[in-house]
Amino acid sequence: MRLIMENGASAHTIWTKAANLFLDNKASRAMTLEAKFRALTQGDLPVFEFAQRLKDLADGLADLEQPVNDSTLLLALLRGVNDPLRGMASILKTKTPLPSFLEA
C-alpha cells in the first residue's frame, strides 16, 4: 500500500497505480506460463488431470492476451502423454481433420 498511496491522490489514481503494479510483469508471466505449457508431460498424472493442467495453462495464457488455439492444445496433449497412450496419440495425429482437444 505504501508504494501506491500518496496524500491527496484520487481513488482512480491509486487504483491505476495498483493495476499497473500487477500488469507490469505481464510479459514475464506469459513467458513463464508458455514455458510450463511447452514442457508439461503426463508423468505420473492420470490423463484427465494432465489434460486439465494443459487447459489451465492455456487459459492463463489467454488471460495474458496470449491465446492458445485448440489444435496447439491438442498437439501438446498428444506430445506429452505417457508410453501406454502413445499408440492412441499416433492414431489421433493421422485424423483429418484433427479432433478437437475435448474430443481427444
N, C-alpha and C. Protein backbone atom coordinates (compact mmCIF):
# COMPACT_ATOMS: atom_id res chain seq x y z
N MET A 1 0.82 -1.19 0.00
CA MET A 1 0.00 0.00 0.00
C MET A 1 0.87 1.26 0.00
N ARG A 2 2.00 1.20 0.70
CA ARG A 2 2.83 2.40 0.79
C ARG A 2 3.42 2.78 -0.56
N LEU A 3 3.55 1.81 -1.48
CA LEU A 3 4.08 2.12 -2.80
C LEU A 3 3.13 2.99 -3.63
N ILE A 4 1.85 2.81 -3.41
CA ILE A 4 0.88 3.50 -4.27
C ILE A 4 0.15 4.64 -3.59
N MET A 5 0.18 4.68 -2.28
CA MET A 5 -0.55 5.72 -1.56
C MET A 5 0.23 7.03 -1.56
N GLU A 6 -0.47 8.12 -1.77
CA GLU A 6 0.12 9.44 -1.65
C GLU A 6 -0.96 10.41 -1.19
N ASN A 7 -0.57 11.40 -0.46
CA ASN A 7 -1.53 12.38 0.07
C ASN A 7 -2.26 13.08 -1.07
N GLY A 8 -3.56 13.16 -0.95
CA GLY A 8 -4.37 13.90 -1.90
C GLY A 8 -4.66 13.17 -3.20
N ALA A 9 -4.20 11.92 -3.35
CA ALA A 9 -4.44 11.17 -4.58
C ALA A 9 -5.88 10.70 -4.64
N SER A 10 -6.43 10.73 -5.83
CA SER A 10 -7.81 10.27 -6.01
C SER A 10 -7.84 8.74 -6.00
N ALA A 11 -9.03 8.21 -5.80
CA ALA A 11 -9.20 6.76 -5.83
C ALA A 11 -8.79 6.19 -7.19
N HIS A 12 -9.11 6.92 -8.24
CA HIS A 12 -8.74 6.47 -9.59
C HIS A 12 -7.22 6.38 -9.75
N THR A 13 -6.51 7.37 -9.25
CA THR A 13 -5.05 7.37 -9.34
C THR A 13 -4.46 6.19 -8.58
N ILE A 14 -4.96 5.95 -7.39
CA ILE A 14 -4.46 4.83 -6.57
C ILE A 14 -4.80 3.51 -7.25
N TRP A 15 -6.01 3.39 -7.77
CA TRP A 15 -6.41 2.16 -8.48
C TRP A 15 -5.52 1.93 -9.69
N THR A 16 -5.26 2.95 -10.46
CA THR A 16 -4.41 2.83 -11.65
C THR A 16 -3.01 2.39 -11.27
N LYS A 17 -2.46 2.96 -10.21
CA LYS A 17 -1.12 2.56 -9.76
C LYS A 17 -1.11 1.09 -9.32
N ALA A 18 -2.15 0.67 -8.60
CA ALA A 18 -2.23 -0.73 -8.16
C ALA A 18 -2.33 -1.67 -9.35
N ALA A 19 -3.17 -1.32 -10.31
CA ALA A 19 -3.33 -2.15 -11.50
C ALA A 19 -2.02 -2.25 -12.27
N ASN A 20 -1.32 -1.14 -12.39
CA ASN A 20 -0.05 -1.15 -13.12
C ASN A 20 1.00 -2.03 -12.45
N LEU A 21 0.98 -2.09 -11.12
CA LEU A 21 1.93 -2.96 -10.42
C LEU A 21 1.73 -4.42 -10.82
N PHE A 22 0.47 -4.81 -11.00
CA PHE A 22 0.18 -6.19 -11.35
C PHE A 22 0.34 -6.46 -12.83
N LEU A 23 0.13 -5.48 -13.66
CA LEU A 23 0.19 -5.68 -15.11
C LEU A 23 1.58 -5.49 -15.68
N ASP A 24 2.46 -4.84 -14.93
CA ASP A 24 3.81 -4.58 -15.43
C ASP A 24 4.57 -5.86 -15.74
N ASN A 25 4.27 -6.93 -15.05
CA ASN A 25 5.01 -8.17 -15.28
C ASN A 25 4.23 -9.14 -16.17
N LYS A 26 3.34 -8.62 -16.99
CA LYS A 26 2.50 -9.43 -17.86
C LYS A 26 3.34 -10.28 -18.82
N ALA A 27 4.32 -9.69 -19.46
CA ALA A 27 5.16 -10.43 -20.41
C ALA A 27 5.95 -11.51 -19.70
N SER A 28 6.46 -11.21 -18.54
CA SER A 28 7.21 -12.19 -17.77
C SER A 28 6.33 -13.38 -17.37
N ARG A 29 5.12 -13.07 -16.92
CA ARG A 29 4.20 -14.15 -16.55
C ARG A 29 3.82 -14.98 -17.76
N ALA A 30 3.62 -14.33 -18.90
CA ALA A 30 3.28 -15.05 -20.13
C ALA A 30 4.42 -15.98 -20.53
N MET A 31 5.65 -15.52 -20.45
CA MET A 31 6.79 -16.38 -20.81
C MET A 31 6.91 -17.57 -19.87
N THR A 32 6.66 -17.34 -18.59
CA THR A 32 6.72 -18.44 -17.62
C THR A 32 5.64 -19.48 -17.90
N LEU A 33 4.41 -19.02 -18.13
CA LEU A 33 3.32 -19.95 -18.44
C LEU A 33 3.55 -20.69 -19.75
N GLU A 34 4.07 -19.98 -20.74
CA GLU A 34 4.36 -20.60 -22.04
C GLU A 34 5.40 -21.71 -21.87
N ALA A 35 6.43 -21.46 -21.08
CA ALA A 35 7.46 -22.47 -20.85
C ALA A 35 6.87 -23.68 -20.13
N LYS A 36 6.02 -23.43 -19.14
CA LYS A 36 5.37 -24.55 -18.42
C LYS A 36 4.47 -25.34 -19.37
N PHE A 37 3.73 -24.62 -20.22
CA PHE A 37 2.83 -25.27 -21.16
C PHE A 37 3.62 -26.18 -22.11
N ARG A 38 4.71 -25.67 -22.66
CA ARG A 38 5.52 -26.43 -23.63
C ARG A 38 6.25 -27.61 -22.99
N ALA A 39 6.58 -27.50 -21.69
CA ALA A 39 7.37 -28.54 -21.04
C ALA A 39 6.53 -29.59 -20.31
N LEU A 40 5.25 -29.34 -20.14
CA LEU A 40 4.41 -30.25 -19.35
C LEU A 40 4.26 -31.60 -20.03
N THR A 41 4.48 -32.64 -19.27
CA THR A 41 4.23 -34.01 -19.73
C THR A 41 3.36 -34.71 -18.69
N GLN A 42 2.81 -35.84 -19.07
CA GLN A 42 1.88 -36.53 -18.20
C GLN A 42 2.55 -37.03 -16.93
N GLY A 43 3.72 -37.60 -17.04
CA GLY A 43 4.38 -38.13 -15.86
C GLY A 43 3.51 -39.14 -15.13
N ASP A 44 3.33 -38.94 -13.83
CA ASP A 44 2.51 -39.85 -13.01
C ASP A 44 1.04 -39.42 -12.95
N LEU A 45 0.69 -38.38 -13.67
CA LEU A 45 -0.69 -37.87 -13.62
C LEU A 45 -1.64 -38.76 -14.41
N PRO A 46 -2.88 -38.90 -13.93
CA PRO A 46 -3.90 -39.51 -14.78
C PRO A 46 -4.09 -38.61 -16.00
N VAL A 47 -4.47 -39.18 -17.13
CA VAL A 47 -4.56 -38.41 -18.37
C VAL A 47 -5.54 -37.25 -18.25
N PHE A 48 -6.63 -37.43 -17.51
CA PHE A 48 -7.60 -36.34 -17.34
C PHE A 48 -6.97 -35.16 -16.60
N GLU A 49 -6.20 -35.45 -15.56
CA GLU A 49 -5.55 -34.37 -14.80
C GLU A 49 -4.47 -33.68 -15.65
N PHE A 50 -3.75 -34.45 -16.44
CA PHE A 50 -2.77 -33.88 -17.36
C PHE A 50 -3.45 -32.92 -18.34
N ALA A 51 -4.56 -33.36 -18.91
CA ALA A 51 -5.31 -32.52 -19.85
C ALA A 51 -5.82 -31.27 -19.15
N GLN A 52 -6.29 -31.41 -17.92
CA GLN A 52 -6.80 -30.25 -17.18
C GLN A 52 -5.69 -29.24 -16.90
N ARG A 53 -4.49 -29.74 -16.57
CA ARG A 53 -3.37 -28.82 -16.33
C ARG A 53 -2.99 -28.07 -17.60
N LEU A 54 -2.99 -28.77 -18.73
CA LEU A 54 -2.71 -28.10 -20.01
C LEU A 54 -3.76 -27.01 -20.26
N LYS A 55 -5.01 -27.34 -20.04
CA LYS A 55 -6.10 -26.39 -20.26
C LYS A 55 -5.98 -25.19 -19.32
N ASP A 56 -5.62 -25.44 -18.07
CA ASP A 56 -5.44 -24.34 -17.11
C ASP A 56 -4.32 -23.40 -17.56
N LEU A 57 -3.21 -23.97 -18.04
CA LEU A 57 -2.11 -23.14 -18.53
C LEU A 57 -2.54 -22.34 -19.76
N ALA A 58 -3.27 -22.99 -20.66
CA ALA A 58 -3.76 -22.30 -21.86
C ALA A 58 -4.72 -21.17 -21.48
N ASP A 59 -5.58 -21.40 -20.50
CA ASP A 59 -6.49 -20.36 -20.03
C ASP A 59 -5.72 -19.19 -19.41
N GLY A 60 -4.67 -19.51 -18.66
CA GLY A 60 -3.83 -18.46 -18.08
C GLY A 60 -3.16 -17.63 -19.15
N LEU A 61 -2.70 -18.28 -20.21
CA LEU A 61 -2.08 -17.55 -21.32
C LEU A 61 -3.11 -16.67 -22.03
N ALA A 62 -4.31 -17.18 -22.19
CA ALA A 62 -5.37 -16.37 -22.81
C ALA A 62 -5.68 -15.14 -21.96
N ASP A 63 -5.66 -15.29 -20.65
CA ASP A 63 -5.88 -14.15 -19.76
C ASP A 63 -4.79 -13.09 -19.93
N LEU A 64 -3.62 -13.52 -20.36
CA LEU A 64 -2.50 -12.60 -20.58
C LEU A 64 -2.39 -12.17 -22.04
N GLU A 65 -3.47 -12.37 -22.78
CA GLU A 65 -3.56 -11.99 -24.19
C GLU A 65 -2.58 -12.77 -25.06
N GLN A 66 -2.35 -14.02 -24.69
CA GLN A 66 -1.52 -14.94 -25.47
C GLN A 66 -2.31 -16.23 -25.68
N PRO A 67 -3.40 -16.19 -26.42
CA PRO A 67 -4.28 -17.36 -26.53
C PRO A 67 -3.59 -18.55 -27.20
N VAL A 68 -3.98 -19.72 -26.75
CA VAL A 68 -3.51 -20.98 -27.33
C VAL A 68 -4.69 -21.56 -28.10
N ASN A 69 -4.50 -21.81 -29.41
CA ASN A 69 -5.63 -22.35 -30.18
C ASN A 69 -5.82 -23.83 -29.87
N ASP A 70 -6.97 -24.35 -30.27
CA ASP A 70 -7.36 -25.72 -29.93
C ASP A 70 -6.39 -26.75 -30.51
N SER A 71 -5.91 -26.54 -31.72
CA SER A 71 -5.01 -27.54 -32.30
C SER A 71 -3.66 -27.55 -31.59
N THR A 72 -3.19 -26.41 -31.12
CA THR A 72 -1.95 -26.38 -30.35
C THR A 72 -2.14 -27.08 -29.02
N LEU A 73 -3.29 -26.88 -28.41
CA LEU A 73 -3.61 -27.56 -27.15
C LEU A 73 -3.67 -29.07 -27.37
N LEU A 74 -4.30 -29.49 -28.46
CA LEU A 74 -4.39 -30.91 -28.79
C LEU A 74 -2.99 -31.51 -29.01
N LEU A 75 -2.17 -30.82 -29.77
CA LEU A 75 -0.82 -31.34 -30.05
C LEU A 75 0.03 -31.41 -28.79
N ALA A 76 -0.13 -30.47 -27.87
CA ALA A 76 0.58 -30.52 -26.60
C ALA A 76 0.13 -31.74 -25.79
N LEU A 77 -1.16 -32.03 -25.83
CA LEU A 77 -1.69 -33.22 -25.15
C LEU A 77 -1.09 -34.49 -25.75
N LEU A 78 -1.12 -34.60 -27.07
CA LEU A 78 -0.62 -35.81 -27.73
C LEU A 78 0.89 -35.97 -27.54
N ARG A 79 1.61 -34.87 -27.54
CA ARG A 79 3.06 -34.92 -27.37
C ARG A 79 3.44 -35.36 -25.96
N GLY A 80 2.65 -34.99 -24.97
CA GLY A 80 3.04 -35.19 -23.59
C GLY A 80 2.55 -36.45 -22.92
N VAL A 81 1.74 -37.27 -23.61
CA VAL A 81 1.20 -38.47 -22.95
C VAL A 81 2.28 -39.52 -22.75
N ASN A 82 2.03 -40.37 -21.78
CA ASN A 82 2.95 -41.47 -21.47
C ASN A 82 2.92 -42.56 -22.53
N ASP A 83 3.89 -43.46 -22.47
CA ASP A 83 4.03 -44.55 -23.45
C ASP A 83 2.75 -45.36 -23.68
N PRO A 84 2.01 -45.75 -22.64
CA PRO A 84 0.81 -46.55 -22.91
C PRO A 84 -0.21 -45.86 -23.82
N LEU A 85 -0.18 -44.53 -23.88
CA LEU A 85 -1.14 -43.80 -24.71
C LEU A 85 -0.53 -43.30 -26.01
N ARG A 86 0.73 -43.58 -26.25
CA ARG A 86 1.39 -43.10 -27.47
C ARG A 86 0.74 -43.67 -28.73
N GLY A 87 0.31 -44.92 -28.68
CA GLY A 87 -0.36 -45.52 -29.84
C GLY A 87 -1.62 -44.77 -30.20
N MET A 88 -2.41 -44.44 -29.20
CA MET A 88 -3.63 -43.67 -29.43
C MET A 88 -3.29 -42.28 -29.94
N ALA A 89 -2.23 -41.68 -29.41
CA ALA A 89 -1.81 -40.35 -29.86
C ALA A 89 -1.42 -40.41 -31.34
N SER A 90 -0.73 -41.46 -31.74
CA SER A 90 -0.33 -41.60 -33.14
C SER A 90 -1.54 -41.71 -34.06
N ILE A 91 -2.54 -42.44 -33.61
CA ILE A 91 -3.77 -42.58 -34.41
C ILE A 91 -4.48 -41.23 -34.53
N LEU A 92 -4.59 -40.50 -33.42
CA LEU A 92 -5.28 -39.22 -33.44
C LEU A 92 -4.57 -38.20 -34.34
N LYS A 93 -3.24 -38.28 -34.39
CA LYS A 93 -2.46 -37.35 -35.23
C LYS A 93 -2.74 -37.53 -36.71
N THR A 94 -3.19 -38.74 -37.10
CA THR A 94 -3.42 -39.01 -38.52
C THR A 94 -4.83 -38.64 -38.97
N LYS A 95 -5.71 -38.30 -38.04
CA LYS A 95 -7.10 -37.95 -38.38
C LYS A 95 -7.13 -36.64 -39.18
N THR A 96 -7.99 -36.61 -40.18
CA THR A 96 -8.19 -35.39 -40.96
C THR A 96 -9.67 -35.09 -40.99
N PRO A 97 -10.09 -34.01 -40.43
CA PRO A 97 -9.30 -33.04 -39.69
C PRO A 97 -8.97 -33.58 -38.30
N LEU A 98 -8.02 -32.93 -37.64
CA LEU A 98 -7.67 -33.32 -36.28
C LEU A 98 -8.89 -33.20 -35.39
N PRO A 99 -9.03 -34.11 -34.42
CA PRO A 99 -10.15 -33.93 -33.47
C PRO A 99 -9.88 -32.70 -32.60
N SER A 100 -10.89 -32.23 -31.94
CA SER A 100 -10.71 -31.10 -31.01
C SER A 100 -10.02 -31.64 -29.75
N PHE A 101 -9.52 -30.73 -28.96
CA PHE A 101 -8.90 -31.08 -27.68
C PHE A 101 -9.89 -31.86 -26.83
N LEU A 102 -11.11 -31.38 -26.76
CA LEU A 102 -12.13 -32.02 -25.94
C LEU A 102 -12.45 -33.43 -26.45
N GLU A 103 -12.53 -33.60 -27.76
CA GLU A 103 -12.79 -34.93 -28.33
C GLU A 103 -11.65 -35.89 -28.00
N ALA A 104 -10.44 -35.42 -28.06
CA ALA A 104 -9.29 -36.29 -27.77
C ALA A 104 -9.31 -36.71 -26.34
